[in-house]
Amino acid sequence: MFHLRDRDGRHEVDLIVEGLGGAVVAIEVKLTATPDDNDLRHLLWLKRQLGDKLVDVAVVTTGRHAYRRADGVAVIPAALLGP
């Protein structure tokens, strides 16, 4: 697990989890209940860069409901992660 920031600092992803087979899961943490496209621009950029190697993308929020956006990003309330 690591944090990603590209060389020129234009793109940043909070958490990258890479499995033994090279599969990647990317996670952002946002202090908003309803993330918009601007909040997720770095996840969507990474999705374009990695293609099928990126097996899932998620954003942890302050919201109350978990759902998956039309672009495939899972929206997960922090309260669902534990007590």
PDB file of N, CA and C in Angstrom:
ATOM      1  N   MET A   1       0.854  -1.160   0.000  1.00  0.00           N
ATOM      2  CA  MET A   1       0.000   0.000   0.000  1.00  0.00           C
ATOM      3  C   MET A   1       0.903   1.226   0.000  1.00  0.00           C
ATOM      4  N   PHE A   2       0.542   2.194  -0.817  1.00  0.00           N
ATOM      5  CA  PHE A   2       1.330   3.418  -0.870  1.00  0.00           C
ATOM      6  C   PHE A   2       0.479   4.579  -1.360  1.00  0.00           C
ATOM      7  N   HIS A   3       1.062   5.757  -1.337  1.00  0.00           N
ATOM      8  CA  HIS A   3       0.448   6.995  -1.791  1.00  0.00           C
ATOM      9  C   HIS A   3       1.072   7.327  -3.149  1.00  0.00           C
ATOM     10  N   LEU A   4       0.273   7.852  -4.063  1.00  0.00           N
ATOM     11  CA  LEU A   4       0.783   8.172  -5.389  1.00  0.00           C
ATOM     12  C   LEU A   4       0.726   9.672  -5.660  1.00  0.00           C
ATOM     13  N   ARG A   5       1.841  10.209  -6.097  1.00  0.00           N
ATOM     14  CA  ARG A   5       1.892  11.585  -6.604  1.00  0.00           C
ATOM     15  C   ARG A   5       2.808  11.533  -7.821  1.00  0.00           C
ATOM     16  N   ASP A   6       2.313  12.006  -8.959  1.00  0.00           N
ATOM     17  CA  ASP A   6       3.145  11.936 -10.154  1.00  0.00           C
ATOM     18  C   ASP A   6       4.291  12.937 -10.088  1.00  0.00           C
ATOM     19  N   ARG A   7       5.204  12.806 -10.998  1.00  0.00           N
ATOM     20  CA  ARG A   7       6.464  13.559 -10.969  1.00  0.00           C
ATOM     21  C   ARG A   7       6.264  15.068 -10.896  1.00  0.00           C
ATOM     22  N   ASP A   8       5.301  15.586 -11.652  1.00  0.00           N
ATOM     23  CA  ASP A   8       5.106  17.035 -11.655  1.00  0.00           C
ATOM     24  C   ASP A   8       4.041  17.509 -10.668  1.00  0.00           C
ATOM     25  N   GLY A   9       3.480  16.591  -9.884  1.00  0.00           N
ATOM     26  CA  GLY A   9       2.538  16.958  -8.834  1.00  0.00           C
ATOM     27  C   GLY A   9       1.130  17.283  -9.302  1.00  0.00           C
ATOM     28  N   ARG A  10       0.809  16.983 -10.561  1.00  0.00           N
ATOM     29  CA  ARG A  10      -0.532  17.293 -11.071  1.00  0.00           C
ATOM     30  C   ARG A  10      -1.579  16.271 -10.665  1.00  0.00           C
ATOM     31  N   HIS A  11      -1.134  15.045 -10.361  1.00  0.00           N
ATOM     32  CA  HIS A  11      -2.066  13.976 -10.001  1.00  0.00           C
ATOM     33  C   HIS A  11      -1.627  13.331  -8.692  1.00  0.00           C
ATOM     34  N   GLU A  12      -2.619  13.053  -7.841  1.00  0.00           N
ATOM     35  CA  GLU A  12      -2.334  12.467  -6.535  1.00  0.00           C
ATOM     36  C   GLU A  12      -3.491  11.559  -6.141  1.00  0.00           C
ATOM     37  N   VAL A  13      -3.161  10.377  -5.632  1.00  0.00           N
ATOM     38  CA  VAL A  13      -4.165   9.434  -5.134  1.00  0.00           C
ATOM     39  C   VAL A  13      -3.753   9.047  -3.726  1.00  0.00           C
ATOM     40  N   ASP A  14      -4.713   9.109  -2.792  1.00  0.00           N
ATOM     41  CA  ASP A  14      -4.401   8.904  -1.376  1.00  0.00           C
ATOM     42  C   ASP A  14      -3.851   7.521  -1.065  1.00  0.00           C
ATOM     43  N   LEU A  15      -4.491   6.469  -1.554  1.00  0.00           N
ATOM     44  CA  LEU A  15      -4.052   5.100  -1.254  1.00  0.00           C
ATOM     45  C   LEU A  15      -4.073   4.245  -2.517  1.00  0.00           C
ATOM     46  N   ILE A  16      -2.995   3.546  -2.740  1.00  0.00           N
ATOM     47  CA  ILE A  16      -2.897   2.574  -3.819  1.00  0.00           C
ATOM     48  C   ILE A  16      -2.579   1.238  -3.158  1.00  0.00           C
ATOM     49  N   VAL A  17      -3.382   0.244  -3.442  1.00  0.00           N
ATOM     50  CA  VAL A  17      -3.130  -1.105  -2.927  1.00  0.00           C
ATOM     51  C   VAL A  17      -2.829  -1.984  -4.137  1.00  0.00           C
ATOM     52  N   GLU A  18      -1.634  -2.578  -4.132  1.00  0.00           N
ATOM     53  CA  GLU A  18      -1.233  -3.425  -5.248  1.00  0.00           C
ATOM     54  C   GLU A  18      -1.088  -4.861  -4.769  1.00  0.00           C
ATOM     55  N   GLY A  19      -1.784  -5.762  -5.448  1.00  0.00           N
ATOM     56  CA  GLY A  19      -1.747  -7.178  -5.097  1.00  0.00           C
ATOM     57  C   GLY A  19      -0.543  -7.866  -5.708  1.00  0.00           C
ATOM     58  N   LEU A  20      -0.329  -9.107  -5.323  1.00  0.00           N
ATOM     59  CA  LEU A  20       0.822  -9.872  -5.804  1.00  0.00           C
ATOM     60  C   LEU A  20       0.802 -10.048  -7.314  1.00  0.00           C
ATOM     61  N   GLY A  21      -0.370 -10.163  -7.902  1.00  0.00           N
ATOM     62  CA  GLY A  21      -0.472 -10.330  -9.345  1.00  0.00           C
ATOM     63  C   GLY A  21      -0.436  -9.026 -10.114  1.00  0.00           C
ATOM     64  N   GLY A  22      -0.241  -7.903  -9.441  1.00  0.00           N
ATOM     65  CA  GLY A  22      -0.177  -6.616 -10.100  1.00  0.00           C
ATOM     66  C   GLY A  22      -1.503  -5.877 -10.182  1.00  0.00           C
ATOM     67  N   ALA A  23      -2.582  -6.497  -9.692  1.00  0.00           N
ATOM     68  CA  ALA A  23      -3.881  -5.823  -9.681  1.00  0.00           C
ATOM     69  C   ALA A  23      -3.832  -4.659  -8.690  1.00  0.00           C
ATOM     70  N   VAL A  24      -4.498  -3.557  -9.051  1.00  0.00           N
ATOM     71  CA  VAL A  24      -4.437  -2.336  -8.259  1.00  0.00           C
ATOM     72  C   VAL A  24      -5.838  -1.891  -7.845  1.00  0.00           C
ATOM     73  N   VAL A  25      -5.965  -1.433  -6.595  1.00  0.00           N
ATOM     74  CA  VAL A  25      -7.166  -0.777  -6.090  1.00  0.00           C
ATOM     75  C   VAL A  25      -6.726   0.617  -5.638  1.00  0.00           C
ATOM     76  N   ALA A  26      -7.481   1.632  -6.059  1.00  0.00           N
ATOM     77  CA  ALA A  26      -7.142   3.015  -5.712  1.00  0.00           C
ATOM     78  C   ALA A  26      -8.249   3.604  -4.849  1.00  0.00           C
ATOM     79  N   ILE A  27      -7.857   4.342  -3.803  1.00  0.00           N
ATOM     80  CA  ILE A  27      -8.812   4.896  -2.841  1.00  0.00           C
ATOM     81  C   ILE A  27      -8.473   6.356  -2.563  1.00  0.00           C
ATOM     82  N   GLU A  28      -9.482   7.198  -2.603  1.00  0.00           N
ATOM     83  CA  GLU A  28      -9.369   8.596  -2.203  1.00  0.00           C
ATOM     84  C   GLU A  28     -10.180   8.795  -0.934  1.00  0.00           C
ATOM     85  N   VAL A  29      -9.803   9.765  -0.126  1.00  0.00           N
ATOM     86  CA  VAL A  29     -10.553  10.143   1.065  1.00  0.00           C
ATOM     87  C   VAL A  29     -10.941  11.607   0.895  1.00  0.00           C
ATOM     88  N   LYS A  30     -12.241  11.881   0.974  1.00  0.00           N
ATOM     89  CA  LYS A  30     -12.734  13.248   0.782  1.00  0.00           C
ATOM     90  C   LYS A  30     -13.653  13.640   1.933  1.00  0.00           C
ATOM     91  N   LEU A  31     -13.520  14.862   2.394  1.00  0.00           N
ATOM     92  CA  LEU A  31     -14.367  15.382   3.465  1.00  0.00           C
ATOM     93  C   LEU A  31     -15.608  16.038   2.876  1.00  0.00           C
ATOM     94  N   THR A  32     -16.367  15.235   2.152  1.00  0.00           N
ATOM     95  CA  THR A  32     -17.626  15.661   1.567  1.00  0.00           C
ATOM     96  C   THR A  32     -18.590  14.486   1.598  1.00  0.00           C
ATOM     97  N   ALA A  33     -19.868  14.778   1.650  1.00  0.00           N
ATOM     98  CA  ALA A  33     -20.870  13.708   1.653  1.00  0.00           C
ATOM     99  C   ALA A  33     -21.162  13.206   0.246  1.00  0.00           C
ATOM    100  N   THR A  34     -21.065  14.089  -0.727  1.00  0.00           N
ATOM    101  CA  THR A  34     -21.383  13.723  -2.114  1.00  0.00           C
ATOM    102  C   THR A  34     -20.259  14.179  -3.040  1.00  0.00           C
ATOM    103  N   PRO A  35     -19.312  13.304  -3.313  1.00  0.00           N
ATOM    104  CA  PRO A  35     -18.191  13.672  -4.175  1.00  0.00           C
ATOM    105  C   PRO A  35     -18.652  13.919  -5.609  1.00  0.00           C
ATOM    106  N   ASP A  36     -18.050  14.906  -6.247  1.00  0.00           N
ATOM    107  CA  ASP A  36     -18.370  15.188  -7.642  1.00  0.00           C
ATOM    108  C   ASP A  36     -17.183  14.800  -8.531  1.00  0.00           C
ATOM    109  N   ASP A  37     -17.328  15.020  -9.824  1.00  0.00           N
ATOM    110  CA  ASP A  37     -16.276  14.655 -10.773  1.00  0.00           C
ATOM    111  C   ASP A  37     -14.944  15.323 -10.444  1.00  0.00           C
ATOM    112  N   ASN A  38     -14.982  16.550  -9.980  1.00  0.00           N
ATOM    113  CA  ASN A  38     -13.748  17.246  -9.632  1.00  0.00           C
ATOM    114  C   ASN A  38     -13.038  16.568  -8.454  1.00  0.00           C
ATOM    115  N   ASP A  39     -13.807  16.091  -7.474  1.00  0.00           N
ATOM    116  CA  ASP A  39     -13.225  15.394  -6.323  1.00  0.00           C
ATOM    117  C   ASP A  39     -12.537  14.097  -6.743  1.00  0.00           C
ATOM    118  N   LEU A  40     -13.018  13.503  -7.831  1.00  0.00           N
ATOM    119  CA  LEU A  40     -12.543  12.183  -8.243  1.00  0.00           C
ATOM    120  C   LEU A  40     -11.656  12.220  -9.479  1.00  0.00           C
ATOM    121  N   ARG A  41     -11.240  13.404  -9.890  1.00  0.00           N
ATOM    122  CA  ARG A  41     -10.489  13.536 -11.140  1.00  0.00           C
ATOM    123  C   ARG A  41      -9.192  12.721 -11.146  1.00  0.00           C
ATOM    124  N   HIS A  42      -8.542  12.597 -10.001  1.00  0.00           N
ATOM    125  CA  HIS A  42      -7.289  11.841  -9.960  1.00  0.00           C
ATOM    126  C   HIS A  42      -7.545  10.338 -10.051  1.00  0.00           C
ATOM    127  N   LEU A  43      -8.623   9.857  -9.433  1.00  0.00           N
ATOM    128  CA  LEU A  43      -8.985   8.441  -9.569  1.00  0.00           C
ATOM    129  C   LEU A  43      -9.328   8.119 -11.019  1.00  0.00           C
ATOM    130  N   LEU A  44     -10.087   8.990 -11.655  1.00  0.00           N
ATOM    131  CA  LEU A  44     -10.486   8.752 -13.038  1.00  0.00           C
ATOM    132  C   LEU A  44      -9.284   8.836 -13.973  1.00  0.00           C
ATOM    133  N   TRP A  45      -8.322   9.727 -13.675  1.00  0.00           N
ATOM    134  CA  TRP A  45      -7.077   9.795 -14.437  1.00  0.00           C
ATOM    135  C   TRP A  45      -6.310   8.474 -14.319  1.00  0.00           C
ATOM    136  N   LEU A  46      -6.197   7.960 -13.088  1.00  0.00           N
ATOM    137  CA  LEU A  46      -5.472   6.707 -12.867  1.00  0.00           C
ATOM    138  C   LEU A  46      -6.153   5.555 -13.589  1.00  0.00           C
ATOM    139  N   LYS A  47      -7.465   5.565 -13.612  1.00  0.00           N
ATOM    140  CA  LYS A  47      -8.229   4.530 -14.316  1.00  0.00           C
ATOM    141  C   LYS A  47      -7.880   4.536 -15.806  1.00  0.00           C
ATOM    142  N   ARG A  48      -7.744   5.710 -16.378  1.00  0.00           N
ATOM    143  CA  ARG A  48      -7.358   5.819 -17.799  1.00  0.00           C
ATOM    144  C   ARG A  48      -5.915   5.342 -18.008  1.00  0.00           C
ATOM    145  N   GLN A  49      -5.042   5.614 -17.058  1.00  0.00           N
ATOM    146  CA  GLN A  49      -3.636   5.241 -17.191  1.00  0.00           C
ATOM    147  C   GLN A  49      -3.414   3.738 -17.076  1.00  0.00           C
ATOM    148  N   LEU A  50      -4.103   3.098 -16.125  1.00  0.00           N
ATOM    149  CA  LEU A  50      -3.833   1.691 -15.828  1.00  0.00           C
ATOM    150  C   LEU A  50      -4.733   0.708 -16.560  1.00  0.00           C
ATOM    151  N   GLY A  51      -5.869   1.149 -17.039  1.00  0.00           N
ATOM    152  CA  GLY A  51      -6.779   0.251 -17.756  1.00  0.00           C
ATOM    153  C   GLY A  51      -7.223  -0.911 -16.882  1.00  0.00           C
ATOM    154  N   ASP A  52      -7.123  -2.129 -17.430  1.00  0.00           N
ATOM    155  CA  ASP A  52      -7.606  -3.331 -16.733  1.00  0.00           C
ATOM    156  C   ASP A  52      -6.792  -3.694 -15.496  1.00  0.00           C
ATOM    157  N   LYS A  53      -5.591  -3.155 -15.367  1.00  0.00           N
ATOM    158  CA  LYS A  53      -4.771  -3.416 -14.173  1.00  0.00           C
ATOM    159  C   LYS A  53      -5.436  -2.833 -12.915  1.00  0.00           C
ATOM    160  N   LEU A  54      -6.207  -1.749 -13.097  1.00  0.00           N
ATOM    161  CA  LEU A  54      -6.939  -1.131 -11.983  1.00  0.00           C
ATOM    162  C   LEU A  54      -8.260  -1.873 -11.833  1.00  0.00           C
ATOM    163  N   VAL A  55      -8.371  -2.697 -10.789  1.00  0.00           N
ATOM    164  CA  VAL A  55      -9.546  -3.552 -10.646  1.00  0.00           C
ATOM    165  C   VAL A  55     -10.691  -2.883  -9.903  1.00  0.00           C
ATOM    166  N   ASP A  56     -10.413  -1.829  -9.124  1.00  0.00           N
ATOM    167  CA  ASP A  56     -11.496  -1.103  -8.454  1.00  0.00           C
ATOM    168  C   ASP A  56     -10.994   0.251  -7.987  1.00  0.00           C
ATOM    169  N   VAL A  57     -11.940   1.190  -7.897  1.00  0.00           N
ATOM    170  CA  VAL A  57     -11.661   2.533  -7.396  1.00  0.00           C
ATOM    171  C   VAL A  57     -12.752   2.900  -6.405  1.00  0.00           C
ATOM    172  N   ALA A  58     -12.358   3.595  -5.343  1.00  0.00           N
ATOM    173  CA  ALA A  58     -13.319   3.957  -4.302  1.00  0.00           C
ATOM    174  C   ALA A  58     -12.950   5.301  -3.698  1.00  0.00           C
ATOM    175  N   VAL A  59     -13.966   5.936  -3.143  1.00  0.00           N
ATOM    176  CA  VAL A  59     -13.758   7.171  -2.387  1.00  0.00           C
ATOM    177  C   VAL A  59     -14.462   7.010  -1.049  1.00  0.00           C
ATOM    178  N   VAL A  60     -13.749   7.321   0.023  1.00  0.00           N
ATOM    179  CA  VAL A  60     -14.313   7.290   1.373  1.00  0.00           C
ATOM    180  C   VAL A  60     -14.785   8.709   1.682  1.00  0.00           C
ATOM    181  N   THR A  61     -16.042   8.829   2.118  1.00  0.00           N
ATOM    182  CA  THR A  61     -16.656  10.143   2.301  1.00  0.00           C
ATOM    183  C   THR A  61     -17.250  10.297   3.698  1.00  0.00           C
ATOM    184  N   THR A  62     -17.821  11.478   3.937  1.00  0.00           N
ATOM    185  CA  THR A  62     -18.542  11.742   5.184  1.00  0.00           C
ATOM    186  C   THR A  62     -20.038  11.495   5.026  1.00  0.00           C
ATOM    187  N   GLY A  63     -20.442  10.944   3.886  1.00  0.00           N
ATOM    188  CA  GLY A  63     -21.859  10.711   3.602  1.00  0.00           C
ATOM    189  C   GLY A  63     -22.463   9.595   4.424  1.00  0.00           C
ATOM    190  N   ARG A  64     -23.740   9.334   4.186  1.00  0.00           N
ATOM    191  CA  ARG A  64     -24.488   8.322   4.940  1.00  0.00           C
ATOM    192  C   ARG A  64     -24.773   7.062   4.136  1.00  0.00           C
ATOM    193  N   HIS A  65     -24.639   7.127   2.808  1.00  0.00           N
ATOM    194  CA  HIS A  65     -25.043   6.004   1.963  1.00  0.00           C
ATOM    195  C   HIS A  65     -23.892   5.550   1.076  1.00  0.00           C
ATOM    196  N   ALA A  66     -23.779   4.229   0.946  1.00  0.00           N
ATOM    197  CA  ALA A  66     -22.804   3.642   0.034  1.00  0.00           C
ATOM    198  C   ALA A  66     -23.497   3.400  -1.306  1.00  0.00           C
ATOM    199  N   TYR A  67     -22.776   3.655  -2.385  1.00  0.00           N
ATOM    200  CA  TYR A  67     -23.311   3.405  -3.720  1.00  0.00           C
ATOM    201  C   TYR A  67     -22.161   3.385  -4.709  1.00  0.00           C
ATOM    202  N   ARG A  68     -22.461   2.964  -5.912  1.00  0.00           N
ATOM    203  CA  ARG A  68     -21.459   2.980  -6.973  1.00  0.00           C
ATOM    204  C   ARG A  68     -21.930   3.950  -8.044  1.00  0.00           C
ATOM    205  N   ARG A  69     -21.054   4.882  -8.386  1.00  0.00           N
ATOM    206  CA  ARG A  69     -21.370   5.883  -9.404  1.00  0.00           C
ATOM    207  C   ARG A  69     -21.409   5.241 -10.794  1.00  0.00           C
ATOM    208  N   ALA A  70     -21.992   5.937 -11.747  1.00  0.00           N
ATOM    209  CA  ALA A  70     -22.081   5.435 -13.119  1.00  0.00           C
ATOM    210  C   ALA A  70     -20.701   5.187 -13.735  1.00  0.00           C
ATOM    211  N   ASP A  71     -19.671   5.928 -13.285  1.00  0.00           N
ATOM    212  CA  ASP A  71     -18.317   5.740 -13.809  1.00  0.00           C
ATOM    213  C   ASP A  71     -17.565   4.604 -13.113  1.00  0.00           C
ATOM    214  N   GLY A  72     -18.243   3.901 -12.196  1.00  0.00           N
ATOM    215  CA  GLY A  72     -17.649   2.740 -11.532  1.00  0.00           C
ATOM    216  C   GLY A  72     -17.006   3.010 -10.192  1.00  0.00           C
ATOM    217  N   VAL A  73     -16.921   4.258  -9.772  1.00  0.00           N
ATOM    218  CA  VAL A  73     -16.292   4.591  -8.496  1.00  0.00           C
ATOM    219  C   VAL A  73     -17.244   4.223  -7.345  1.00  0.00           C
ATOM    220  N   ALA A  74     -16.750   3.426  -6.396  1.00  0.00           N
ATOM    221  CA  ALA A  74     -17.525   3.080  -5.204  1.00  0.00           C
ATOM    222  C   ALA A  74     -17.424   4.235  -4.213  1.00  0.00           C
ATOM    223  N   VAL A  75     -18.569   4.677  -3.704  1.00  0.00           N
ATOM    224  CA  VAL A  75     -18.617   5.739  -2.705  1.00  0.00           C
ATOM    225  C   VAL A  75     -18.938   5.068  -1.369  1.00  0.00           C
ATOM    226  N   ILE A  76     -18.025   5.196  -0.408  1.00  0.00           N
ATOM    227  CA  ILE A  76     -18.134   4.462   0.857  1.00  0.00           C
ATOM    228  C   ILE A  76     -18.091   5.439   2.022  1.00  0.00           C
ATOM    229  N   PRO A  77     -19.151   5.508   2.819  1.00  0.00           N
ATOM    230  CA  PRO A  77     -19.118   6.366   4.014  1.00  0.00           C
ATOM    231  C   PRO A  77     -18.080   5.839   5.013  1.00  0.00           C
ATOM    232  N   ALA A  78     -17.303   6.721   5.578  1.00  0.00           N
ATOM    233  CA  ALA A  78     -16.291   6.330   6.567  1.00  0.00           C
ATOM    234  C   ALA A  78     -16.937   5.581   7.734  1.00  0.00           C
ATOM    235  N   ALA A  79     -18.160   5.937   8.098  1.00  0.00           N
ATOM    236  CA  ALA A  79     -18.837   5.286   9.230  1.00  0.00           C
ATOM    237  C   ALA A  79     -19.052   3.797   8.985  1.00  0.00           C
ATOM    238  N   LEU A  80     -19.050   3.358   7.737  1.00  0.00           N
ATOM    239  CA  LEU A  80     -19.231   1.922   7.450  1.00  0.00           C
ATOM    240  C   LEU A  80     -17.952   1.112   7.620  1.00  0.00           C
ATOM    241  N   LEU A  81     -16.826   1.800   7.797  1.00  0.00           N
ATOM    242  CA  LEU A  81     -15.547   1.094   7.883  1.00  0.00           C
ATOM    243  C   LEU A  81     -15.267   0.522   9.275  1.00  0.00           C
ATOM    244  N   GLY A  82     -16.017   0.930  10.259  1.00  0.00           N
ATOM    245  CA  GLY A  82     -15.805   0.399  11.607  1.00  0.00           C
ATOM    246  C   GLY A  82     -16.496   1.242  12.646  1.00  0.00           C
ATOM    247  N   PRO A  83     -16.422   0.808  13.900  1.00  0.00           N
ATOM    248  CA  PRO A  83     -17.114   1.545  14.966  1.00  0.00           C
ATOM    249  C   PRO A  83     -16.518   2.917  15.232  1.00  0.00           C
TER     250      PRO A  83
END
